[in-house]
């Protein structure tokens, strides 16, 4: 009986070590496929590695990276979460989980990931940078600006910090400062698409439309199909009166990223210009639902309601909005 127990233990041990060996082999094959750009094949190898050794945090992390390369954010985030569960000190998996969370608009989770990562990689500039991106996406502009400035002080040659400061300053309507920071970032790295995109928006606000169009095309040349850049090019085309081109660009952007509130708002404004107020109401209401809901966006929806003969809804919507433009609207239309 004692010999039989030893035999069973030996078989189980041999089986486990054999599966772990197979997992390591599949991990190597997956890494090789990943490096060669064969991402579907890499997913298959990494998945097989996790089946053979479900406790292998590296296999789960690499599976997430391969999913990301195929724009599969949800399974990627799940894989990164498994890697973190197996190894809470896996800083790379935490960072990947946070970056995927940014893409999926799970901002509070991203901030928690950065707090956890801070205990593993203290004083890391990448933590500051990711926090800044998260605050920016949440519309918490003062916090985003402070974090990006802190990151820039830590690394004065970081072109991404300059460009992200420019983007935040643009949203704060500090256009001249935004322009300087954006060009400064591009002087360090001329291949950073977001810098050209921000400058295109700055020149759009300055009504330098031809210049804006050249810059957004530069951004799209570097990042073809980027939905935010397509949306912003649509805004420029709309400002230039090219409504058909603008609508096509907004539609492309929506298909790629159906969760961007700005593109619904912009297409809604276009529908107002095309005398299609019912469609404008639907689109701008969708933008408000996706959020964050700004006073300007509420005013756009009120304008659409009014054009759609829904004046009471327009006035009710602006009850708690006290910006000068909203007060002017209420004086004109809500007496």
C-alpha atoms as a PDB file:
ATOM      1  CA  UNK A   1       0.000   0.000   0.000  1.00  0.00           C
ATOM      2  CA  UNK A   2       2.851   2.358   0.925  1.00  0.00           C
ATOM      3  CA  UNK A   3       4.507   1.683  -2.434  1.00  0.00           C
ATOM      4  CA  UNK A   4       1.254   2.446  -4.261  1.00  0.00           C
ATOM      5  CA  UNK A   5       0.931   5.833  -2.539  1.00  0.00           C
ATOM      6  CA  UNK A   6       4.514   6.672  -3.478  1.00  0.00           C
ATOM      7  CA  UNK A   7       3.813   5.669  -7.069  1.00  0.00           C
ATOM      8  CA  UNK A   8       0.716   7.923  -7.237  1.00  0.00           C
ATOM      9  CA  UNK A   9       2.642  10.865  -5.777  1.00  0.00           C
ATOM     10  CA  UNK A  10       5.478  10.296  -8.258  1.00  0.00           C
ATOM     11  CA  UNK A  11       3.029  10.198 -11.207  1.00  0.00           C
ATOM     12  CA  UNK A  12       1.317  13.399 -10.056  1.00  0.00           C
ATOM     13  CA  UNK A  13       4.672  15.143  -9.578  1.00  0.00           C
ATOM     14  CA  UNK A  14       5.901  14.014 -12.995  1.00  0.00           C
ATOM     15  CA  UNK A  15       2.593  15.131 -14.576  1.00  0.00           C
ATOM     16  CA  UNK A  16       2.830  18.583 -12.985  1.00  0.00           C
ATOM     17  CA  UNK A  17       6.455  19.141 -13.933  1.00  0.00           C
ATOM     18  CA  UNK A  18       5.739  17.928 -17.470  1.00  0.00           C
ATOM     19  CA  UNK A  19       2.834  20.396 -17.850  1.00  0.00           C
ATOM     20  CA  UNK A  20       5.008  23.219 -16.507  1.00  0.00           C
ATOM     21  CA  UNK A  21       7.720  22.291 -19.011  1.00  0.00           C
ATOM     22  CA  UNK A  22       5.143  22.339 -21.828  1.00  0.00           C
ATOM     23  CA  UNK A  23       3.904  25.740 -20.612  1.00  0.00           C
ATOM     24  CA  UNK A  24       7.449  27.157 -20.738  1.00  0.00           C
ATOM     25  CA  UNK A  25       7.878  25.856 -24.274  1.00  0.00           C
ATOM     26  CA  UNK A  26       4.565  27.404 -25.354  1.00  0.00           C
ATOM     27  CA  UNK A  27       5.557  30.671 -23.686  1.00  0.00           C
ATOM     28  CA  UNK A  28       8.781  30.774 -25.716  1.00  0.00           C
ATOM     29  CA  UNK A  29       6.870  30.003 -28.932  1.00  0.00           C
ATOM     30  CA  UNK A  30       4.317  32.682 -28.079  1.00  0.00           C
ATOM     31  CA  UNK A  31       7.023  35.270 -27.453  1.00  0.00           C
ATOM     32  CA  UNK A  32       8.634  34.436 -30.782  1.00  0.00           C
ATOM     33  CA  UNK A  33       5.292  34.727 -32.637  1.00  0.00           C
ATOM     34  CA  UNK A  34       4.584  38.028 -30.843  1.00  0.00           C
ATOM     35  CA  UNK A  35       7.933  39.515 -31.822  1.00  0.00           C
ATOM     36  CA  UNK A  36       7.273  38.567 -35.461  1.00  0.00           C
ATOM     37  CA  UNK A  37       3.828  40.213 -35.406  1.00  0.00           C
ATOM     38  CA  UNK A  38       1.874  36.949 -35.591  1.00  0.00           C
ATOM     39  CA  UNK A  39      -0.481  37.995 -32.799  1.00  0.00           C
ATOM     40  CA  UNK A  40      -3.295  35.494 -33.367  1.00  0.00           C
ATOM     41  CA  UNK A  41      -0.763  32.673 -33.182  1.00  0.00           C
ATOM     42  CA  UNK A  42       0.785  34.255 -30.089  1.00  0.00           C
ATOM     43  CA  UNK A  43      -2.620  34.307 -28.381  1.00  0.00           C
ATOM     44  CA  UNK A  44      -3.002  30.600 -29.084  1.00  0.00           C
ATOM     45  CA  UNK A  45       0.419  29.729 -27.639  1.00  0.00           C
ATOM     46  CA  UNK A  46      -0.021  31.918 -24.548  1.00  0.00           C
ATOM     47  CA  UNK A  47      -3.507  30.512 -23.937  1.00  0.00           C
ATOM     48  CA  UNK A  48      -2.128  26.979 -24.152  1.00  0.00           C
ATOM     49  CA  UNK A  49       0.600  27.972 -21.683  1.00  0.00           C
ATOM     50  CA  UNK A  50      -2.019  29.174 -19.176  1.00  0.00           C
ATOM     51  CA  UNK A  51      -3.975  25.937 -19.628  1.00  0.00           C
ATOM     52  CA  UNK A  52      -0.882  23.890 -18.827  1.00  0.00           C
ATOM     53  CA  UNK A  53       0.256  26.151 -15.993  1.00  0.00           C
ATOM     54  CA  UNK A  54      -2.567  28.347 -14.759  1.00  0.00           C
ATOM     55  CA  UNK A  55      -0.272  29.854 -12.089  1.00  0.00           C
ATOM     56  CA  UNK A  56       2.172  31.326 -14.612  1.00  0.00           C
ATOM     57  CA  UNK A  57       1.767  35.103 -14.231  1.00  0.00           C
ATOM     58  CA  UNK A  58       4.099  35.851 -17.156  1.00  0.00           C
ATOM     59  CA  UNK A  59       1.968  33.750 -19.524  1.00  0.00           C
ATOM     60  CA  UNK A  60      -1.178  35.633 -18.452  1.00  0.00           C
ATOM     61  CA  UNK A  61       0.502  39.017 -18.892  1.00  0.00           C
ATOM     62  CA  UNK A  62       1.807  38.099 -22.348  1.00  0.00           C
ATOM     63  CA  UNK A  63      -1.621  36.753 -23.311  1.00  0.00           C
ATOM     64  CA  UNK A  64      -3.053  40.171 -22.430  1.00  0.00           C
ATOM     65  CA  UNK A  65      -0.453  41.949 -24.558  1.00  0.00           C
ATOM     66  CA  UNK A  66      -1.235  39.715 -27.541  1.00  0.00           C
ATOM     67  CA  UNK A  67      -4.962  40.403 -27.151  1.00  0.00           C
ATOM     68  CA  UNK A  68      -4.221  44.143 -27.068  1.00  0.00           C
ATOM     69  CA  UNK A  69      -2.357  43.898 -30.361  1.00  0.00           C
ATOM     70  CA  UNK A  70      -5.617  42.591 -31.864  1.00  0.00           C
ATOM     71  CA  UNK A  71      -7.714  45.391 -30.275  1.00  0.00           C
ATOM     72  CA  UNK A  72      -9.320  42.900 -27.874  1.00  0.00           C
ATOM     73  CA  UNK A  73      -9.409  45.060 -24.752  1.00  0.00           C
ATOM     74  CA  UNK A  74     -11.797  43.059 -22.570  1.00  0.00           C
ATOM     75  CA  UNK A  75      -9.947  39.707 -22.743  1.00  0.00           C
ATOM     76  CA  UNK A  76      -6.669  41.598 -22.408  1.00  0.00           C
ATOM     77  CA  UNK A  77      -7.825  43.259 -19.197  1.00  0.00           C
ATOM     78  CA  UNK A  78      -9.017  39.903 -17.828  1.00  0.00           C
ATOM     79  CA  UNK A  79      -5.608  38.343 -18.568  1.00  0.00           C
ATOM     80  CA  UNK A  80      -3.744  41.215 -16.875  1.00  0.00           C
ATOM     81  CA  UNK A  81      -6.024  40.887 -13.835  1.00  0.00           C
ATOM     82  CA  UNK A  82      -5.182  37.175 -13.582  1.00  0.00           C
ATOM     83  CA  UNK A  83      -1.454  37.980 -13.747  1.00  0.00           C
ATOM     84  CA  UNK A  84      -1.850  40.520 -10.918  1.00  0.00           C
ATOM     85  CA  UNK A  85      -3.867  38.044  -8.825  1.00  0.00           C
ATOM     86  CA  UNK A  86      -1.061  35.479  -9.186  1.00  0.00           C
ATOM     87  CA  UNK A  87       1.714  37.999  -8.563  1.00  0.00           C
ATOM     88  CA  UNK A  88       0.598  41.262  -6.877  1.00  0.00           C
ATOM     89  CA  UNK A  89       4.133  42.636  -7.323  1.00  0.00           C
ATOM     90  CA  UNK A  90       4.013  42.259 -11.126  1.00  0.00           C
ATOM     91  CA  UNK A  91       4.476  45.935 -11.976  1.00  0.00           C
ATOM     92  CA  UNK A  92       4.311  45.448 -15.740  1.00  0.00           C
ATOM     93  CA  UNK A  93       0.975  43.631 -15.466  1.00  0.00           C
ATOM     94  CA  UNK A  94      -0.408  46.416 -13.225  1.00  0.00           C
ATOM     95  CA  UNK A  95       0.660  49.048 -15.735  1.00  0.00           C
ATOM     96  CA  UNK A  96      -0.858  47.090 -18.624  1.00  0.00           C
ATOM     97  CA  UNK A  97      -4.090  46.629 -16.651  1.00  0.00           C
ATOM     98  CA  UNK A  98      -4.217  50.388 -16.051  1.00  0.00           C
ATOM     99  CA  UNK A  99      -3.555  51.267 -19.692  1.00  0.00           C
ATOM    100  CA  UNK A 100      -6.331  48.924 -20.790  1.00  0.00           C
ATOM    101  CA  UNK A 101      -8.598  50.509 -18.192  1.00  0.00           C
ATOM    102  CA  UNK A 102      -7.931  53.915 -19.740  1.00  0.00           C
ATOM    103  CA  UNK A 103      -9.054  52.588 -23.112  1.00  0.00           C
ATOM    104  CA  UNK A 104     -12.204  51.125 -21.528  1.00  0.00           C
ATOM    105  CA  UNK A 105     -12.935  54.353 -19.560  1.00  0.00           C
ATOM    106  CA  UNK A 106     -12.584  52.581 -16.188  1.00  0.00           C
ATOM    107  CA  UNK A 107     -10.877  55.555 -14.621  1.00  0.00           C
ATOM    108  CA  UNK A 108     -11.228  54.865 -10.892  1.00  0.00           C
ATOM    109  CA  UNK A 109      -9.762  51.412 -11.445  1.00  0.00           C
ATOM    110  CA  UNK A 110      -6.824  53.027 -13.252  1.00  0.00           C
ATOM    111  CA  UNK A 111      -6.145  55.340 -10.300  1.00  0.00           C
ATOM    112  CA  UNK A 112      -6.251  52.366  -7.926  1.00  0.00           C
ATOM    113  CA  UNK A 113      -3.776  50.508 -10.163  1.00  0.00           C
ATOM    114  CA  UNK A 114      -1.427  53.499  -9.994  1.00  0.00           C
ATOM    115  CA  UNK A 115      -1.668  53.609  -6.188  1.00  0.00           C
ATOM    116  CA  UNK A 116      -0.762  49.910  -6.094  1.00  0.00           C
ATOM    117  CA  UNK A 117       2.056  50.411  -8.597  1.00  0.00           C
ATOM    118  CA  UNK A 118       3.445  53.296  -6.548  1.00  0.00           C
ATOM    119  CA  UNK A 119       4.275  50.800  -3.807  1.00  0.00           C
ATOM    120  CA  UNK A 120       6.202  48.632  -6.295  1.00  0.00           C
ATOM    121  CA  UNK A 121       7.837  51.333  -8.444  1.00  0.00           C
ATOM    122  CA  UNK A 122       8.070  54.360  -6.110  1.00  0.00           C
ATOM    123  CA  UNK A 123       8.817  57.736  -7.711  1.00  0.00           C
ATOM    124  CA  UNK A 124       8.318  56.344 -11.222  1.00  0.00           C
ATOM    125  CA  UNK A 125       7.572  58.934 -13.898  1.00  0.00           C
ATOM    126  CA  UNK A 126       5.323  56.452 -15.742  1.00  0.00           C
ATOM    127  CA  UNK A 127       2.970  56.466 -12.728  1.00  0.00           C
ATOM    128  CA  UNK A 128       2.733  60.260 -12.816  1.00  0.00           C
ATOM    129  CA  UNK A 129       2.200  60.174 -16.564  1.00  0.00           C
ATOM    130  CA  UNK A 130      -0.573  57.559 -16.393  1.00  0.00           C
ATOM    131  CA  UNK A 131      -2.314  59.393 -13.551  1.00  0.00           C
ATOM    132  CA  UNK A 132      -2.185  62.546 -15.659  1.00  0.00           C
ATOM    133  CA  UNK A 133      -3.774  60.773 -18.621  1.00  0.00           C
ATOM    134  CA  UNK A 134      -6.506  59.454 -16.340  1.00  0.00           C
ATOM    135  CA  UNK A 135      -7.279  62.849 -14.764  1.00  0.00           C
ATOM    136  CA  UNK A 136      -7.299  64.364 -18.265  1.00  0.00           C
ATOM    137  CA  UNK A 137      -9.788  61.766 -19.518  1.00  0.00           C
ATOM    138  CA  UNK A 138     -11.979  62.387 -16.450  1.00  0.00           C
ATOM    139  CA  UNK A 139     -12.070  66.120 -17.180  1.00  0.00           C
ATOM    140  CA  UNK A 140     -10.141  66.916 -13.971  1.00  0.00           C
ATOM    141  CA  UNK A 141      -7.909  69.360 -15.818  1.00  0.00           C
ATOM    142  CA  UNK A 142      -6.238  71.129 -12.884  1.00  0.00           C
ATOM    143  CA  UNK A 143      -5.135  67.786 -11.428  1.00  0.00           C
ATOM    144  CA  UNK A 144      -3.978  66.551 -14.839  1.00  0.00           C
ATOM    145  CA  UNK A 145      -1.937  69.714 -15.408  1.00  0.00           C
ATOM    146  CA  UNK A 146      -0.297  69.451 -11.980  1.00  0.00           C
ATOM    147  CA  UNK A 147       0.666  65.806 -12.485  1.00  0.00           C
ATOM    148  CA  UNK A 148       2.061  66.376 -15.995  1.00  0.00           C
ATOM    149  CA  UNK A 149       4.082  69.361 -14.737  1.00  0.00           C
ATOM    150  CA  UNK A 150       5.445  67.179 -11.929  1.00  0.00           C
ATOM    151  CA  UNK A 151       6.414  64.540 -14.496  1.00  0.00           C
ATOM    152  CA  UNK A 152       8.125  67.198 -16.620  1.00  0.00           C
ATOM    153  CA  UNK A 153      10.170  68.426 -13.650  1.00  0.00           C
ATOM    154  CA  UNK A 154      11.285  64.830 -13.055  1.00  0.00           C
ATOM    155  CA  UNK A 155      12.288  64.431 -16.732  1.00  0.00           C
ATOM    156  CA  UNK A 156      12.712  67.789 -18.552  1.00  0.00           C
ATOM    157  CA  UNK A 157      13.327  66.083 -21.919  1.00  0.00           C
ATOM    158  CA  UNK A 158      10.109  64.039 -21.882  1.00  0.00           C
ATOM    159  CA  UNK A 159       8.315  65.090 -25.075  1.00  0.00           C
ATOM    160  CA  UNK A 160       5.105  63.332 -23.987  1.00  0.00           C
ATOM    161  CA  UNK A 161       4.823  65.567 -20.925  1.00  0.00           C
ATOM    162  CA  UNK A 162       5.137  68.705 -23.085  1.00  0.00           C
ATOM    163  CA  UNK A 163       2.501  67.449 -25.505  1.00  0.00           C
ATOM    164  CA  UNK A 164       0.077  66.393 -22.781  1.00  0.00           C
ATOM    165  CA  UNK A 165       0.485  69.719 -20.994  1.00  0.00           C
ATOM    166  CA  UNK A 166      -0.326  71.350 -24.331  1.00  0.00           C
ATOM    167  CA  UNK A 167      -3.458  69.226 -24.647  1.00  0.00           C
ATOM    168  CA  UNK A 168      -4.650  70.143 -21.136  1.00  0.00           C
ATOM    169  CA  UNK A 169      -3.927  73.844 -21.670  1.00  0.00           C
ATOM    170  CA  UNK A 170      -5.892  73.723 -24.919  1.00  0.00           C
ATOM    171  CA  UNK A 171      -8.905  72.387 -23.027  1.00  0.00           C
ATOM    172  CA  UNK A 172      -8.438  75.173 -20.466  1.00  0.00           C
ATOM    173  CA  UNK A 173      -8.578  77.644 -23.390  1.00  0.00           C
ATOM    174  CA  UNK A 174      -5.015  78.816 -22.763  1.00  0.00           C
ATOM    175  CA  UNK A 175      -4.249  78.613 -26.455  1.00  0.00           C
ATOM    176  CA  UNK A 176      -0.914  80.432 -26.696  1.00  0.00           C
ATOM    177  CA  UNK A 177       0.632  78.373 -23.886  1.00  0.00           C
ATOM    178  CA  UNK A 178      -0.868  75.201 -25.371  1.00  0.00           C
ATOM    179  CA  UNK A 179       0.671  76.055 -28.739  1.00  0.00           C
ATOM    180  CA  UNK A 180       4.138  76.594 -27.203  1.00  0.00           C
ATOM    181  CA  UNK A 181       4.128  73.310 -25.245  1.00  0.00           C
ATOM    182  CA  UNK A 182       2.876  71.333 -28.241  1.00  0.00           C
ATOM    183  CA  UNK A 183       5.537  72.665 -30.596  1.00  0.00           C
ATOM    184  CA  UNK A 184       8.185  72.144 -27.891  1.00  0.00           C
ATOM    185  CA  UNK A 185       7.197  68.482 -27.604  1.00  0.00           C
ATOM    186  CA  UNK A 186       7.335  68.047 -31.372  1.00  0.00           C
ATOM    187  CA  UNK A 187      10.778  69.669 -31.475  1.00  0.00           C
ATOM    188  CA  UNK A 188      11.968  66.766 -29.294  1.00  0.00           C
ATOM    189  CA  UNK A 189      10.050  64.080 -31.196  1.00  0.00           C
ATOM    190  CA  UNK A 190       8.510  65.036 -34.525  1.00  0.00           C
ATOM    191  CA  UNK A 191       6.776  61.623 -34.804  1.00  0.00           C
ATOM    192  CA  UNK A 192       4.314  62.197 -31.948  1.00  0.00           C
ATOM    193  CA  UNK A 193       0.866  62.274 -33.593  1.00  0.00           C
ATOM    194  CA  UNK A 194      -0.949  63.723 -30.593  1.00  0.00           C
ATOM    195  CA  UNK A 195       1.117  66.895 -30.798  1.00  0.00           C
ATOM    196  CA  UNK A 196      -0.065  67.571 -34.351  1.00  0.00           C
ATOM    197  CA  UNK A 197      -3.632  66.764 -33.340  1.00  0.00           C
ATOM    198  CA  UNK A 198      -3.597  69.255 -30.452  1.00  0.00           C
ATOM    199  CA  UNK A 199      -2.110  71.951 -32.660  1.00  0.00           C
ATOM    200  CA  UNK A 200      -4.826  71.314 -35.256  1.00  0.00           C
ATOM    201  CA  UNK A 201      -7.453  71.987 -32.573  1.00  0.00           C
ATOM    202  CA  UNK A 202      -5.655  75.136 -31.430  1.00  0.00           C
ATOM    203  CA  UNK A 203      -5.633  76.517 -34.974  1.00  0.00           C
ATOM    204  CA  UNK A 204      -9.260  75.461 -35.424  1.00  0.00           C
ATOM    205  CA  UNK A 205     -10.152  77.674 -32.455  1.00  0.00           C
ATOM    206  CA  UNK A 206      -8.054  80.447 -33.956  1.00  0.00           C
ATOM    207  CA  UNK A 207      -9.997  79.944 -37.219  1.00  0.00           C
ATOM    208  CA  UNK A 208      -6.803  79.122 -39.135  1.00  0.00           C
ATOM    209  CA  UNK A 209      -8.589  76.231 -40.836  1.00  0.00           C
ATOM    210  CA  UNK A 210      -6.166  75.395 -43.640  1.00  0.00           C
ATOM    211  CA  UNK A 211      -3.303  75.184 -41.166  1.00  0.00           C
ATOM    212  CA  UNK A 212      -5.442  73.051 -38.845  1.00  0.00           C
ATOM    213  CA  UNK A 213      -6.249  70.664 -41.694  1.00  0.00           C
ATOM    214  CA  UNK A 214      -2.580  70.176 -42.607  1.00  0.00           C
ATOM    215  CA  UNK A 215      -1.728  69.372 -38.980  1.00  0.00           C
ATOM    216  CA  UNK A 216      -4.553  66.891 -38.396  1.00  0.00           C
ATOM    217  CA  UNK A 217      -3.581  65.147 -41.643  1.00  0.00           C
ATOM    218  CA  UNK A 218      -0.041  64.876 -40.225  1.00  0.00           C
ATOM    219  CA  UNK A 219      -1.495  63.225 -37.111  1.00  0.00           C
ATOM    220  CA  UNK A 220      -3.530  60.777 -39.206  1.00  0.00           C
ATOM    221  CA  UNK A 221      -0.517  59.949 -41.366  1.00  0.00           C
ATOM    222  CA  UNK A 222       1.305  58.848 -38.212  1.00  0.00           C
ATOM    223  CA  UNK A 223      -1.759  57.106 -36.691  1.00  0.00           C
ATOM    224  CA  UNK A 224      -4.135  56.092 -39.511  1.00  0.00           C
ATOM    225  CA  UNK A 225      -7.686  55.456 -38.365  1.00  0.00           C
ATOM    226  CA  UNK A 226      -7.206  57.006 -34.912  1.00  0.00           C
ATOM    227  CA  UNK A 227     -10.831  57.820 -33.944  1.00  0.00           C
ATOM    228  CA  UNK A 228     -10.119  61.052 -32.031  1.00  0.00           C
ATOM    229  CA  UNK A 229      -8.117  62.445 -34.937  1.00  0.00           C
ATOM    230  CA  UNK A 230     -10.883  61.506 -37.395  1.00  0.00           C
ATOM    231  CA  UNK A 231     -13.385  63.302 -35.173  1.00  0.00           C
ATOM    232  CA  UNK A 232     -11.191  66.387 -34.993  1.00  0.00           C
ATOM    233  CA  UNK A 233     -10.693  66.435 -38.753  1.00  0.00           C
ATOM    234  CA  UNK A 234     -14.483  66.268 -39.028  1.00  0.00           C
ATOM    235  CA  UNK A 235     -14.728  69.392 -36.867  1.00  0.00           C
ATOM    236  CA  UNK A 236     -12.337  71.231 -39.169  1.00  0.00           C
ATOM    237  CA  UNK A 237     -14.226  70.133 -42.290  1.00  0.00           C
ATOM    238  CA  UNK A 238     -17.483  71.249 -40.651  1.00  0.00           C
ATOM    239  CA  UNK A 239     -15.994  74.659 -39.826  1.00  0.00           C
ATOM    240  CA  UNK A 240     -14.938  74.980 -43.472  1.00  0.00           C
ATOM    241  CA  UNK A 241     -18.498  74.178 -44.616  1.00  0.00           C
ATOM    242  CA  UNK A 242     -17.617  70.735 -46.001  1.00  0.00           C
ATOM    243  CA  UNK A 243     -20.590  69.027 -44.353  1.00  0.00           C
ATOM    244  CA  UNK A 244     -20.588  65.800 -46.336  1.00  0.00           C
ATOM    245  CA  UNK A 245     -16.898  65.164 -45.607  1.00  0.00           C
ATOM    246  CA  UNK A 246     -17.443  66.034 -41.954  1.00  0.00           C
ATOM    247  CA  UNK A 247     -20.315  63.563 -41.585  1.00  0.00           C
ATOM    248  CA  UNK A 248     -18.273  60.794 -43.194  1.00  0.00           C
ATOM    249  CA  UNK A 249     -15.393  61.443 -40.778  1.00  0.00           C
ATOM    250  CA  UNK A 250     -17.693  61.488 -37.735  1.00  0.00           C
ATOM    251  CA  UNK A 251     -19.234  58.190 -38.829  1.00  0.00           C
ATOM    252  CA  UNK A 252     -15.800  56.588 -39.254  1.00  0.00           C
ATOM    253  CA  UNK A 253     -14.790  57.761 -35.798  1.00  0.00           C
ATOM    254  CA  UNK A 254     -17.980  56.360 -34.224  1.00  0.00           C
ATOM    255  CA  UNK A 255     -17.492  52.966 -35.813  1.00  0.00           C
ATOM    256  CA  UNK A 256     -13.991  52.685 -34.385  1.00  0.00           C
ATOM    257  CA  UNK A 257     -14.789  54.104 -30.933  1.00  0.00           C
ATOM    258  CA  UNK A 258     -18.528  54.158 -30.120  1.00  0.00           C
ATOM    259  CA  UNK A 259     -17.892  55.561 -26.607  1.00  0.00           C
ATOM    260  CA  UNK A 260     -16.425  58.976 -27.443  1.00  0.00           C
ATOM    261  CA  UNK A 261     -18.941  61.603 -26.326  1.00  0.00           C
ATOM    262  CA  UNK A 262     -17.279  64.357 -28.386  1.00  0.00           C
ATOM    263  CA  UNK A 263     -17.982  62.731 -31.738  1.00  0.00           C
ATOM    264  CA  UNK A 264     -21.700  62.370 -30.937  1.00  0.00           C
ATOM    265  CA  UNK A 265     -21.817  65.996 -29.876  1.00  0.00           C
ATOM    266  CA  UNK A 266     -20.020  67.149 -33.023  1.00  0.00           C
ATOM    267  CA  UNK A 267     -22.227  65.130 -35.318  1.00  0.00           C
ATOM    268  CA  UNK A 268     -25.263  66.506 -33.452  1.00  0.00           C
ATOM    269  CA  UNK A 269     -24.074  70.054 -34.127  1.00  0.00           C
ATOM    270  CA  UNK A 270     -23.637  69.089 -37.784  1.00  0.00           C
ATOM    271  CA  UNK A 271     -27.232  67.794 -37.864  1.00  0.00           C
ATOM    272  CA  UNK A 272     -28.396  71.185 -36.567  1.00  0.00           C
ATOM    273  CA  UNK A 273     -26.521  72.889 -39.391  1.00  0.00           C
ATOM    274  CA  UNK A 274     -28.211  70.477 -41.817  1.00  0.00           C
ATOM    275  CA  UNK A 275     -31.681  71.282 -40.390  1.00  0.00           C
ATOM    276  CA  UNK A 276     -32.124  67.805 -38.884  1.00  0.00           C
ATOM    277  CA  UNK A 277     -32.962  68.778 -35.286  1.00  0.00           C
ATOM    278  CA  UNK A 278     -34.552  65.461 -34.294  1.00  0.00           C
ATOM    279  CA  UNK A 279     -31.324  63.659 -35.157  1.00  0.00           C
ATOM    280  CA  UNK A 280     -29.344  66.379 -33.381  1.00  0.00           C
ATOM    281  CA  UNK A 281     -31.333  65.817 -30.171  1.00  0.00           C
ATOM    282  CA  UNK A 282     -30.653  62.065 -30.266  1.00  0.00           C
ATOM    283  CA  UNK A 283     -26.918  62.472 -30.844  1.00  0.00           C
ATOM    284  CA  UNK A 284     -26.230  65.215 -28.298  1.00  0.00           C
ATOM    285  CA  UNK A 285     -28.348  63.398 -25.683  1.00  0.00           C
ATOM    286  CA  UNK A 286     -26.144  60.351 -26.325  1.00  0.00           C
ATOM    287  CA  UNK A 287     -23.059  62.516 -25.801  1.00  0.00           C
ATOM    288  CA  UNK A 288     -24.424  63.704 -22.443  1.00  0.00           C
ATOM    289  CA  UNK A 289     -25.124  60.106 -21.455  1.00  0.00           C
ATOM    290  CA  UNK A 290     -21.546  59.077 -22.241  1.00  0.00           C
ATOM    291  CA  UNK A 291     -20.211  62.113 -20.361  1.00  0.00           C
ATOM    292  CA  UNK A 292     -18.626  63.975 -18.829  1.00  0.00           C
ATOM    293  CA  UNK A 293     -21.551  66.382 -19.213  1.00  0.00           C
ATOM    294  CA  UNK A 294     -20.258  69.934 -19.591  1.00  0.00           C
ATOM    295  CA  UNK A 295     -22.358  73.155 -19.472  1.00  0.00           C
ATOM    296  CA  UNK A 296     -21.538  73.730 -23.150  1.00  0.00           C
ATOM    297  CA  UNK A 297     -22.854  70.280 -24.055  1.00  0.00           C
ATOM    298  CA  UNK A 298     -26.091  70.963 -22.172  1.00  0.00           C
ATOM    299  CA  UNK A 299     -26.432  74.228 -24.058  1.00  0.00           C
ATOM    300  CA  UNK A 300     -25.970  72.364 -27.351  1.00  0.00           C
ATOM    301  CA  UNK A 301     -28.748  69.952 -26.397  1.00  0.00           C
ATOM    302  CA  UNK A 302     -30.999  72.833 -25.336  1.00  0.00           C
ATOM    303  CA  UNK A 303     -30.371  74.457 -28.724  1.00  0.00           C
ATOM    304  CA  UNK A 304     -31.332  71.196 -30.432  1.00  0.00           C
ATOM    305  CA  UNK A 305     -34.487  70.887 -28.332  1.00  0.00           C
ATOM    306  CA  UNK A 306     -35.477  74.431 -29.280  1.00  0.00           C
ATOM    307  CA  UNK A 307     -34.904  73.729 -32.981  1.00  0.00           C
ATOM    308  CA  UNK A 308     -37.023  70.591 -32.581  1.00  0.00           C
ATOM    309  CA  UNK A 309     -39.932  72.623 -31.104  1.00  0.00           C
ATOM    310  CA  UNK A 310     -39.272  71.323 -27.576  1.00  0.00           C
ATOM    311  CA  UNK A 311     -38.719  74.654 -25.846  1.00  0.00           C
ATOM    312  CA  UNK A 312     -39.879  73.483 -22.431  1.00  0.00           C
ATOM    313  CA  UNK A 313     -37.324  70.675 -22.389  1.00  0.00           C
ATOM    314  CA  UNK A 314     -34.632  73.146 -23.430  1.00  0.00           C
ATOM    315  CA  UNK A 315     -35.385  75.507 -20.564  1.00  0.00           C
ATOM    316  CA  UNK A 316     -35.697  72.743 -17.967  1.00  0.00           C
ATOM    317  CA  UNK A 317     -32.335  71.330 -19.030  1.00  0.00           C
ATOM    318  CA  UNK A 318     -30.619  74.668 -18.344  1.00  0.00           C
ATOM    319  CA  UNK A 319     -32.211  75.310 -14.942  1.00  0.00           C
ATOM    320  CA  UNK A 320     -28.955  74.618 -13.110  1.00  0.00           C
ATOM    321  CA  UNK A 321     -26.567  75.959 -15.794  1.00  0.00           C
ATOM    322  CA  UNK A 322     -25.342  79.473 -15.010  1.00  0.00           C
ATOM    323  CA  UNK A 323     -22.696  80.148 -17.668  1.00  0.00           C
ATOM    324  CA  UNK A 324     -23.061  83.487 -19.507  1.00  0.00           C
ATOM    325  CA  UNK A 325     -24.068  81.694 -22.731  1.00  0.00           C
ATOM    326  CA  UNK A 326     -26.730  79.640 -20.915  1.00  0.00           C
ATOM    327  CA  UNK A 327     -28.102  82.736 -19.137  1.00  0.00           C
ATOM    328  CA  UNK A 328     -28.311  84.534 -22.481  1.00  0.00           C
ATOM    329  CA  UNK A 329     -30.183  81.541 -23.966  1.00  0.00           C
ATOM    330  CA  UNK A 330     -32.667  81.573 -21.077  1.00  0.00           C
ATOM    331  CA  UNK A 331     -33.284  85.319 -21.377  1.00  0.00           C
ATOM    332  CA  UNK A 332     -33.952  84.904 -25.103  1.00  0.00           C
ATOM    333  CA  UNK A 333     -36.030  81.733 -25.009  1.00  0.00           C
ATOM    334  CA  UNK A 334     -37.327  80.897 -21.517  1.00  0.00           C
ATOM    335  CA  UNK A 335     -39.378  83.923 -20.455  1.00  0.00           C
END
